[in-house]
């Protein structure tokens, strides 16, 4: 099985999402969203080309996206989030799935990914 690598920007996204979820909807909702994120990560780690995983050639970095709604059915009904609103942006190879960002589906994905591509180019 591929390793799962959640990159620092995605960790920050995850913390922010869970904080907002807690503030707006309470602890139970936060826990449901955390379980949904974990299920989505496991889904991608198991099969990054699974149904719902879409290559986005229009975005920098040759990334794929996976909307959290595709992970809902794998959770028990009492642990489901009614209307998840985030995309997991990721890349993968034979060794690992790399979670690049976790972004709200109303966000400009390209605008949030461009800074990551620029910093990768600077490091090369």
N, C-alpha and C. Protein backbone atom coordinates (compact mmCIF):
# COMPACT_ATOMS: atom_id res chain seq x y z
N UNK A 1 0.85 -1.19 0.00
CA UNK A 1 0.00 0.00 0.00
C UNK A 1 0.89 1.24 0.00
N UNK A 2 0.43 2.26 -0.68
CA UNK A 2 1.18 3.52 -0.74
C UNK A 2 1.20 4.20 0.62
N UNK A 3 2.29 4.92 0.87
CA UNK A 3 2.35 5.77 2.07
C UNK A 3 1.44 6.97 1.86
N UNK A 4 0.93 7.51 2.92
CA UNK A 4 0.13 8.73 2.89
C UNK A 4 0.97 9.85 3.45
N UNK A 5 1.14 10.90 2.66
CA UNK A 5 1.90 12.07 3.10
C UNK A 5 0.98 13.28 3.01
N UNK A 6 0.67 13.86 4.16
CA UNK A 6 -0.15 15.06 4.21
C UNK A 6 0.82 16.23 4.35
N UNK A 7 0.95 17.00 3.29
CA UNK A 7 1.92 18.08 3.27
C UNK A 7 1.48 19.23 4.18
N UNK A 8 2.44 20.04 4.65
CA UNK A 8 2.11 21.11 5.62
C UNK A 8 0.95 22.03 5.21
N UNK A 9 0.85 22.49 3.97
CA UNK A 9 -0.32 23.33 3.65
C UNK A 9 -1.65 22.59 3.84
N UNK A 10 -1.67 21.31 3.53
CA UNK A 10 -2.89 20.52 3.72
C UNK A 10 -3.19 20.34 5.20
N UNK A 11 -2.16 20.15 6.02
CA UNK A 11 -2.36 20.05 7.48
C UNK A 11 -2.97 21.35 8.01
N UNK A 12 -2.46 22.48 7.52
CA UNK A 12 -3.01 23.78 7.93
C UNK A 12 -4.46 23.91 7.49
N UNK A 13 -4.75 23.49 6.26
CA UNK A 13 -6.13 23.52 5.77
C UNK A 13 -7.03 22.68 6.67
N UNK A 14 -6.57 21.49 6.99
CA UNK A 14 -7.35 20.57 7.81
C UNK A 14 -7.64 21.18 9.18
N UNK A 15 -6.63 21.76 9.82
CA UNK A 15 -6.84 22.39 11.13
C UNK A 15 -7.86 23.52 11.03
N UNK A 16 -7.75 24.35 10.00
CA UNK A 16 -8.68 25.46 9.83
C UNK A 16 -10.11 24.96 9.60
N UNK A 17 -10.26 23.95 8.78
CA UNK A 17 -11.58 23.37 8.49
C UNK A 17 -12.20 22.84 9.78
N UNK A 18 -11.43 22.11 10.55
CA UNK A 18 -11.97 21.52 11.77
C UNK A 18 -12.29 22.58 12.82
N UNK A 19 -11.50 23.64 12.86
CA UNK A 19 -11.78 24.74 13.79
C UNK A 19 -13.09 25.44 13.43
N UNK A 20 -13.26 25.73 12.15
CA UNK A 20 -14.50 26.38 11.69
C UNK A 20 -15.69 25.46 11.94
N UNK A 21 -15.53 24.19 11.67
CA UNK A 21 -16.60 23.22 11.89
C UNK A 21 -17.01 23.21 13.36
N UNK A 22 -16.02 23.21 14.25
CA UNK A 22 -16.31 23.22 15.68
C UNK A 22 -17.03 24.50 16.09
N UNK A 23 -16.50 25.64 15.65
CA UNK A 23 -17.10 26.93 16.03
C UNK A 23 -18.53 27.08 15.53
N UNK A 24 -18.78 26.63 14.30
CA UNK A 24 -20.09 26.84 13.69
C UNK A 24 -21.11 25.74 14.00
N UNK A 25 -20.63 24.53 14.22
CA UNK A 25 -21.57 23.40 14.32
C UNK A 25 -21.37 22.52 15.55
N UNK A 26 -20.29 22.73 16.31
CA UNK A 26 -20.09 21.96 17.53
C UNK A 26 -19.13 20.80 17.39
N UNK A 27 -18.87 20.18 18.54
CA UNK A 27 -17.88 19.11 18.62
C UNK A 27 -18.28 17.88 17.80
N UNK A 28 -19.54 17.50 17.84
CA UNK A 28 -19.96 16.30 17.10
C UNK A 28 -19.75 16.50 15.60
N UNK A 29 -20.08 17.67 15.10
CA UNK A 29 -19.89 17.95 13.67
C UNK A 29 -18.41 17.95 13.32
N UNK A 30 -17.60 18.52 14.17
CA UNK A 30 -16.15 18.52 13.94
C UNK A 30 -15.63 17.09 13.87
N UNK A 31 -16.07 16.25 14.78
CA UNK A 31 -15.62 14.86 14.79
C UNK A 31 -16.09 14.11 13.54
N UNK A 32 -17.31 14.40 13.09
CA UNK A 32 -17.80 13.77 11.85
C UNK A 32 -16.95 14.21 10.65
N UNK A 33 -16.59 15.49 10.60
CA UNK A 33 -15.80 15.97 9.47
C UNK A 33 -14.38 15.38 9.52
N UNK A 34 -13.83 15.26 10.70
CA UNK A 34 -12.51 14.63 10.84
C UNK A 34 -12.57 13.18 10.35
N UNK A 35 -13.60 12.45 10.74
CA UNK A 35 -13.75 11.06 10.27
C UNK A 35 -13.90 11.00 8.77
N UNK A 36 -14.61 11.96 8.19
CA UNK A 36 -14.77 12.02 6.74
C UNK A 36 -13.43 12.27 6.05
N UNK A 37 -12.65 13.20 6.57
CA UNK A 37 -11.31 13.45 6.00
C UNK A 37 -10.45 12.20 6.08
N UNK A 38 -10.46 11.54 7.22
CA UNK A 38 -9.65 10.33 7.38
C UNK A 38 -10.09 9.23 6.42
N UNK A 39 -11.41 9.10 6.23
CA UNK A 39 -11.91 8.10 5.29
C UNK A 39 -11.49 8.43 3.86
N UNK A 40 -11.58 9.70 3.51
CA UNK A 40 -11.17 10.11 2.16
C UNK A 40 -9.68 9.85 1.94
N UNK A 41 -8.85 10.16 2.93
CA UNK A 41 -7.42 9.87 2.82
C UNK A 41 -7.19 8.37 2.62
N UNK A 42 -7.89 7.56 3.40
CA UNK A 42 -7.74 6.10 3.29
C UNK A 42 -8.19 5.61 1.91
N UNK A 43 -9.29 6.18 1.41
CA UNK A 43 -9.76 5.82 0.08
C UNK A 43 -8.68 6.07 -0.97
N UNK A 44 -8.07 7.24 -0.90
CA UNK A 44 -7.05 7.61 -1.88
C UNK A 44 -5.78 6.80 -1.70
N UNK A 45 -5.42 6.52 -0.48
CA UNK A 45 -4.24 5.71 -0.22
C UNK A 45 -4.44 4.31 -0.81
N UNK A 46 -5.63 3.79 -0.69
CA UNK A 46 -5.95 2.46 -1.21
C UNK A 46 -6.02 2.45 -2.73
N UNK A 47 -6.63 3.49 -3.33
CA UNK A 47 -6.78 3.54 -4.78
C UNK A 47 -6.93 4.99 -5.24
N UNK A 48 -5.83 5.66 -5.60
CA UNK A 48 -5.90 7.06 -5.99
C UNK A 48 -6.66 7.31 -7.29
N UNK A 49 -6.93 6.27 -8.04
CA UNK A 49 -7.69 6.41 -9.29
C UNK A 49 -9.16 6.00 -9.13
N UNK A 50 -9.60 5.88 -7.90
CA UNK A 50 -10.96 5.44 -7.61
C UNK A 50 -12.00 6.39 -8.21
N UNK A 51 -13.23 5.92 -8.29
CA UNK A 51 -14.33 6.76 -8.78
C UNK A 51 -14.38 8.04 -7.95
N UNK A 52 -14.52 9.15 -8.62
CA UNK A 52 -14.54 10.45 -7.96
C UNK A 52 -13.22 11.17 -8.00
N UNK A 53 -12.13 10.45 -8.27
CA UNK A 53 -10.81 11.06 -8.40
C UNK A 53 -10.67 11.56 -9.83
N UNK A 54 -10.40 12.86 -9.97
CA UNK A 54 -10.38 13.48 -11.29
C UNK A 54 -9.05 14.18 -11.52
N UNK A 55 -8.43 13.88 -12.65
CA UNK A 55 -7.21 14.60 -13.03
C UNK A 55 -7.60 16.00 -13.47
N UNK A 56 -6.84 16.99 -13.00
CA UNK A 56 -7.13 18.39 -13.33
C UNK A 56 -5.93 18.99 -14.06
N UNK A 57 -5.87 18.78 -15.35
CA UNK A 57 -4.76 19.31 -16.15
C UNK A 57 -4.79 20.83 -16.22
N UNK A 58 -5.91 21.44 -15.85
CA UNK A 58 -6.01 22.90 -15.85
C UNK A 58 -5.36 23.51 -14.60
N UNK A 59 -4.98 22.68 -13.64
CA UNK A 59 -4.37 23.18 -12.41
C UNK A 59 -2.87 22.93 -12.43
N UNK A 60 -2.12 23.78 -11.75
CA UNK A 60 -0.66 23.58 -11.71
C UNK A 60 -0.28 22.33 -10.92
N UNK A 61 0.79 21.70 -11.32
CA UNK A 61 1.35 20.61 -10.55
C UNK A 61 0.83 19.22 -10.88
N UNK A 62 0.10 19.08 -11.98
CA UNK A 62 -0.41 17.77 -12.38
C UNK A 62 -1.13 17.07 -11.22
N UNK A 63 -2.08 17.74 -10.67
CA UNK A 63 -2.80 17.23 -9.50
C UNK A 63 -4.11 16.56 -9.90
N UNK A 64 -4.63 15.83 -8.95
CA UNK A 64 -5.96 15.26 -9.03
C UNK A 64 -6.77 15.84 -7.88
N UNK A 65 -8.09 15.80 -8.02
CA UNK A 65 -8.96 16.25 -6.93
C UNK A 65 -9.95 15.13 -6.61
N UNK A 66 -10.37 15.12 -5.37
CA UNK A 66 -11.33 14.14 -4.88
C UNK A 66 -12.24 14.87 -3.89
N UNK A 67 -13.51 14.99 -4.26
CA UNK A 67 -14.45 15.69 -3.38
C UNK A 67 -14.82 14.77 -2.22
N UNK A 68 -14.92 15.35 -1.04
CA UNK A 68 -15.23 14.55 0.16
C UNK A 68 -16.57 13.83 0.08
N UNK A 69 -17.49 14.31 -0.75
CA UNK A 69 -18.79 13.65 -0.84
C UNK A 69 -18.64 12.18 -1.29
N UNK A 70 -17.55 11.88 -2.00
CA UNK A 70 -17.33 10.52 -2.48
C UNK A 70 -16.92 9.56 -1.36
N UNK A 71 -16.51 10.10 -0.23
CA UNK A 71 -16.08 9.25 0.89
C UNK A 71 -17.21 9.00 1.89
N UNK A 72 -18.31 9.72 1.78
CA UNK A 72 -19.40 9.63 2.76
C UNK A 72 -19.96 8.23 2.92
N UNK A 73 -20.15 7.53 1.81
CA UNK A 73 -20.85 6.25 1.87
C UNK A 73 -20.08 5.18 2.63
N UNK A 74 -18.79 5.39 2.84
CA UNK A 74 -17.99 4.42 3.58
C UNK A 74 -18.10 4.57 5.10
N UNK A 75 -18.76 5.63 5.53
CA UNK A 75 -18.92 5.88 6.97
C UNK A 75 -20.29 5.38 7.45
N UNK A 76 -20.36 5.02 8.71
CA UNK A 76 -21.65 4.67 9.31
C UNK A 76 -22.56 5.90 9.24
N UNK A 77 -23.84 5.69 9.10
CA UNK A 77 -24.79 6.81 8.93
C UNK A 77 -24.66 7.86 10.02
N UNK A 78 -24.45 7.44 11.26
CA UNK A 78 -24.35 8.41 12.36
C UNK A 78 -23.06 9.22 12.31
N UNK A 79 -22.11 8.81 11.50
CA UNK A 79 -20.84 9.53 11.39
C UNK A 79 -20.74 10.36 10.11
N UNK A 80 -21.81 10.41 9.33
CA UNK A 80 -21.77 11.11 8.05
C UNK A 80 -22.02 12.60 8.19
N UNK A 81 -21.32 13.34 7.36
CA UNK A 81 -21.55 14.76 7.21
C UNK A 81 -22.57 14.93 6.09
N UNK A 82 -23.59 15.73 6.33
CA UNK A 82 -24.69 15.85 5.36
C UNK A 82 -24.21 16.36 4.00
N UNK A 83 -23.53 17.49 3.99
CA UNK A 83 -23.11 18.10 2.73
C UNK A 83 -21.66 18.59 2.82
N UNK A 84 -20.71 17.67 2.67
CA UNK A 84 -19.31 18.11 2.72
C UNK A 84 -19.01 19.07 1.57
N UNK A 85 -18.10 20.01 1.81
CA UNK A 85 -17.85 21.07 0.83
C UNK A 85 -16.39 21.20 0.44
N UNK A 86 -15.58 20.18 0.61
CA UNK A 86 -14.15 20.32 0.34
C UNK A 86 -13.63 19.30 -0.66
N UNK A 87 -12.62 19.75 -1.38
CA UNK A 87 -11.85 18.91 -2.29
C UNK A 87 -10.52 18.57 -1.63
N UNK A 88 -10.08 17.35 -1.81
CA UNK A 88 -8.70 16.99 -1.49
C UNK A 88 -7.94 17.12 -2.80
N UNK A 89 -6.88 17.88 -2.77
CA UNK A 89 -6.01 18.05 -3.93
C UNK A 89 -4.77 17.20 -3.65
N UNK A 90 -4.43 16.29 -4.59
CA UNK A 90 -3.36 15.35 -4.30
C UNK A 90 -2.60 14.95 -5.55
N UNK A 91 -1.44 14.36 -5.32
CA UNK A 91 -0.66 13.71 -6.36
C UNK A 91 -0.33 12.31 -5.85
N UNK A 92 0.13 11.46 -6.74
CA UNK A 92 0.53 10.12 -6.29
C UNK A 92 1.52 9.52 -7.27
N UNK A 93 2.26 8.55 -6.76
CA UNK A 93 3.12 7.71 -7.58
C UNK A 93 3.05 6.30 -6.98
N UNK A 94 3.93 5.42 -7.39
CA UNK A 94 3.88 4.04 -6.90
C UNK A 94 4.12 3.94 -5.39
N UNK A 95 4.85 4.90 -4.83
CA UNK A 95 5.22 4.83 -3.41
C UNK A 95 4.30 5.56 -2.46
N UNK A 96 3.69 6.66 -2.91
CA UNK A 96 2.96 7.51 -1.96
C UNK A 96 1.83 8.29 -2.61
N UNK A 97 0.86 8.63 -1.76
CA UNK A 97 -0.17 9.61 -2.09
C UNK A 97 0.19 10.84 -1.28
N UNK A 98 0.30 11.98 -1.96
CA UNK A 98 0.66 13.23 -1.29
C UNK A 98 -0.55 14.17 -1.31
N UNK A 99 -1.05 14.47 -0.13
CA UNK A 99 -2.16 15.41 -0.01
C UNK A 99 -1.55 16.80 -0.04
N UNK A 100 -1.90 17.56 -1.06
CA UNK A 100 -1.30 18.87 -1.29
C UNK A 100 -2.10 19.96 -0.56
N UNK A 101 -3.41 19.94 -0.72
CA UNK A 101 -4.29 20.92 -0.07
C UNK A 101 -5.64 20.27 0.19
N UNK A 102 -6.41 20.87 1.06
CA UNK A 102 -7.81 20.53 1.27
C UNK A 102 -8.55 21.85 1.18
N UNK A 103 -9.28 22.05 0.08
CA UNK A 103 -9.84 23.36 -0.23
C UNK A 103 -11.36 23.29 -0.39
N UNK A 104 -12.01 24.37 0.03
CA UNK A 104 -13.47 24.49 -0.09
C UNK A 104 -13.84 24.49 -1.57
N UNK A 105 -14.97 23.87 -1.89
CA UNK A 105 -15.34 23.74 -3.29
C UNK A 105 -15.77 25.06 -3.94
N UNK A 106 -15.91 26.12 -3.15
CA UNK A 106 -16.21 27.43 -3.73
C UNK A 106 -14.94 28.25 -3.98
N UNK A 107 -13.79 27.73 -3.59
CA UNK A 107 -12.52 28.45 -3.75
C UNK A 107 -12.00 28.34 -5.18
N UNK A 108 -11.18 29.30 -5.54
CA UNK A 108 -10.43 29.27 -6.79
C UNK A 108 -9.25 28.32 -6.58
N UNK A 109 -9.38 27.09 -7.05
CA UNK A 109 -8.35 26.09 -6.80
C UNK A 109 -7.02 26.50 -7.40
N UNK A 110 -7.02 26.98 -8.63
CA UNK A 110 -5.77 27.37 -9.29
C UNK A 110 -5.05 28.46 -8.52
N UNK A 111 -5.79 29.42 -8.00
CA UNK A 111 -5.19 30.50 -7.23
C UNK A 111 -4.53 30.02 -5.94
N UNK A 112 -5.09 29.00 -5.34
CA UNK A 112 -4.52 28.47 -4.09
C UNK A 112 -3.38 27.49 -4.34
N UNK A 113 -3.27 26.97 -5.55
CA UNK A 113 -2.20 26.02 -5.86
C UNK A 113 -0.99 26.69 -6.48
N UNK A 114 -1.16 27.84 -7.11
CA UNK A 114 -0.05 28.53 -7.77
C UNK A 114 1.11 28.82 -6.82
N UNK A 115 0.87 29.30 -5.60
CA UNK A 115 2.00 29.56 -4.67
C UNK A 115 2.78 28.30 -4.35
N UNK A 116 2.12 27.15 -4.30
CA UNK A 116 2.83 25.90 -4.02
C UNK A 116 3.75 25.53 -5.17
N UNK A 117 3.28 25.74 -6.39
CA UNK A 117 4.10 25.42 -7.57
C UNK A 117 5.32 26.34 -7.61
N UNK A 118 5.13 27.62 -7.28
CA UNK A 118 6.23 28.57 -7.29
C UNK A 118 7.28 28.18 -6.25
N UNK A 119 6.86 27.78 -5.05
CA UNK A 119 7.84 27.41 -4.01
C UNK A 119 8.57 26.13 -4.38
N UNK A 120 7.89 25.20 -5.08
CA UNK A 120 8.57 23.97 -5.52
C UNK A 120 9.62 24.29 -6.56
N UNK A 121 9.34 25.24 -7.46
CA UNK A 121 10.31 25.64 -8.47
C UNK A 121 11.52 26.31 -7.83
N UNK A 122 11.29 27.10 -6.79
CA UNK A 122 12.40 27.78 -6.11
C UNK A 122 13.31 26.78 -5.41
N UNK A 123 12.74 25.69 -4.89
CA UNK A 123 13.54 24.68 -4.19
C UNK A 123 14.35 23.82 -5.14
N UNK A 124 13.92 23.73 -6.40
CA UNK A 124 14.61 22.86 -7.38
C UNK A 124 15.93 23.43 -7.85
